[in-house]
Amino acid sequence: MQTRGAGGSGDLSLRLMEMGFVPGTVVTLIKRAPLGDPLELRVRGSHVSLRRAEARLVEVEMLERPGASA
């Protein structure tokens, strides 16, 4: 996935951008907790855990996998 931006306004949006969720950054889902909350993501080489409600503020687009047929 590639970040398109962090939505919302205020402190949480700013904090997401400080953690690396800025346009063009590649984000990888590493794992989910057993009940789905929180999510562990890799952003710029760091592992970040976000609640699903926080993750919903990050707008992403899917990237094609190398070798995947369309």
C-alpha atoms as a PDB file:
ATOM      1  CA  MET A   1       0.000   0.000   0.000  1.00  0.00           C
ATOM      2  CA  GLN A   2       1.094   3.532  -0.601  1.00  0.00           C
ATOM      3  CA  THR A   3      -0.059   6.439   1.546  1.00  0.00           C
ATOM      4  CA  ARG A   4      -2.052   9.180  -0.125  1.00  0.00           C
ATOM      5  CA  GLY A   5      -2.332  11.247   3.039  1.00  0.00           C
ATOM      6  CA  ALA A   6      -3.602  11.412   6.608  1.00  0.00           C
ATOM      7  CA  GLY A   7      -7.145  12.677   6.917  1.00  0.00           C
ATOM      8  CA  GLY A   8      -8.864  14.415   9.740  1.00  0.00           C
ATOM      9  CA  SER A   9      -7.673  17.493  11.487  1.00  0.00           C
ATOM     10  CA  GLY A  10      -5.904  18.415  14.648  1.00  0.00           C
ATOM     11  CA  ASP A  11      -3.333  16.651  16.766  1.00  0.00           C
ATOM     12  CA  LEU A  12      -3.963  13.078  15.557  1.00  0.00           C
ATOM     13  CA  SER A  13      -3.528  13.976  11.893  1.00  0.00           C
ATOM     14  CA  LEU A  14      -0.299  15.809  12.694  1.00  0.00           C
ATOM     15  CA  ARG A  15       0.953  12.873  14.765  1.00  0.00           C
ATOM     16  CA  LEU A  16       0.244  10.410  11.920  1.00  0.00           C
ATOM     17  CA  MET A  17       2.259  12.576   9.539  1.00  0.00           C
ATOM     18  CA  GLU A  18       5.104  12.789  12.063  1.00  0.00           C
ATOM     19  CA  MET A  19       5.136   8.965  12.212  1.00  0.00           C
ATOM     20  CA  GLY A  20       5.664   8.850   8.433  1.00  0.00           C
ATOM     21  CA  PHE A  21       2.146   8.583   7.017  1.00  0.00           C
ATOM     22  CA  VAL A  22       2.788  11.206   4.329  1.00  0.00           C
ATOM     23  CA  PRO A  23       1.863  10.985   0.632  1.00  0.00           C
ATOM     24  CA  GLY A  24       3.995   8.517  -1.321  1.00  0.00           C
ATOM     25  CA  THR A  25       5.179   6.474   1.674  1.00  0.00           C
ATOM     26  CA  VAL A  26       4.902   2.690   1.296  1.00  0.00           C
ATOM     27  CA  VAL A  27       3.028   1.031   4.177  1.00  0.00           C
ATOM     28  CA  THR A  28       2.951  -2.724   4.823  1.00  0.00           C
ATOM     29  CA  LEU A  29       0.458  -4.506   7.067  1.00  0.00           C
ATOM     30  CA  ILE A  30       2.534  -6.824   9.274  1.00  0.00           C
ATOM     31  CA  LYS A  31      -0.204  -8.331  11.451  1.00  0.00           C
ATOM     32  CA  ARG A  32      -3.493  -7.788  13.223  1.00  0.00           C
ATOM     33  CA  ALA A  33      -4.269  -8.567  16.837  1.00  0.00           C
ATOM     34  CA  PRO A  34      -6.610 -11.553  17.352  1.00  0.00           C
ATOM     35  CA  LEU A  35      -9.699  -9.352  17.615  1.00  0.00           C
ATOM     36  CA  GLY A  36      -8.510  -7.048  14.801  1.00  0.00           C
ATOM     37  CA  ASP A  37      -7.345  -4.184  16.966  1.00  0.00           C
ATOM     38  CA  PRO A  38      -4.595  -2.882  16.904  1.00  0.00           C
ATOM     39  CA  LEU A  39      -2.846  -3.243  13.545  1.00  0.00           C
ATOM     40  CA  GLU A  40       0.921  -3.490  13.214  1.00  0.00           C
ATOM     41  CA  LEU A  41       2.259  -1.620  10.174  1.00  0.00           C
ATOM     42  CA  ARG A  42       5.732  -1.069   8.756  1.00  0.00           C
ATOM     43  CA  VAL A  43       6.356   2.544   7.742  1.00  0.00           C
ATOM     44  CA  ARG A  44       9.790   3.676   6.541  1.00  0.00           C
ATOM     45  CA  GLY A  45      11.465   0.726   8.267  1.00  0.00           C
ATOM     46  CA  SER A  46       9.725   1.239  11.621  1.00  0.00           C
ATOM     47  CA  HIS A  47       6.946  -0.886  13.091  1.00  0.00           C
ATOM     48  CA  VAL A  48       3.947   1.164  14.199  1.00  0.00           C
ATOM     49  CA  SER A  49       0.802  -0.052  15.964  1.00  0.00           C
ATOM     50  CA  LEU A  50      -2.433   1.826  15.339  1.00  0.00           C
ATOM     51  CA  ARG A  51      -5.975   1.308  16.501  1.00  0.00           C
ATOM     52  CA  ARG A  52      -8.359   0.643  13.634  1.00  0.00           C
ATOM     53  CA  ALA A  53     -10.075   3.986  14.284  1.00  0.00           C
ATOM     54  CA  GLU A  54      -6.723   5.759  13.844  1.00  0.00           C
ATOM     55  CA  ALA A  55      -5.795   3.689  10.793  1.00  0.00           C
ATOM     56  CA  ARG A  56      -9.053   4.710   9.101  1.00  0.00           C
ATOM     57  CA  LEU A  57      -7.703   8.261   8.914  1.00  0.00           C
ATOM     58  CA  VAL A  58      -4.826   7.147   6.666  1.00  0.00           C
ATOM     59  CA  GLU A  59      -5.817   7.127   3.002  1.00  0.00           C
ATOM     60  CA  VAL A  60      -3.931   4.504   0.967  1.00  0.00           C
ATOM     61  CA  GLU A  61      -3.899   3.040  -2.514  1.00  0.00           C
ATOM     62  CA  MET A  62      -2.934  -0.512  -3.345  1.00  0.00           C
ATOM     63  CA  LEU A  63       0.277  -1.102  -5.277  1.00  0.00           C
ATOM     64  CA  GLU A  64       0.599  -3.885  -7.800  1.00  0.00           C
ATOM     65  CA  ARG A  65       2.820  -6.756  -6.768  1.00  0.00           C
ATOM     66  CA  PRO A  66       5.776  -7.439  -9.064  1.00  0.00           C
ATOM     67  CA  GLY A  67       4.905 -10.312 -11.379  1.00  0.00           C
ATOM     68  CA  ALA A  68       1.176 -10.147 -10.654  1.00  0.00           C
ATOM     69  CA  SER A  69      -0.950 -10.496 -13.753  1.00  0.00           C
ATOM     70  CA  ALA A  70      -3.701  -7.991 -14.398  1.00  0.00           C
END
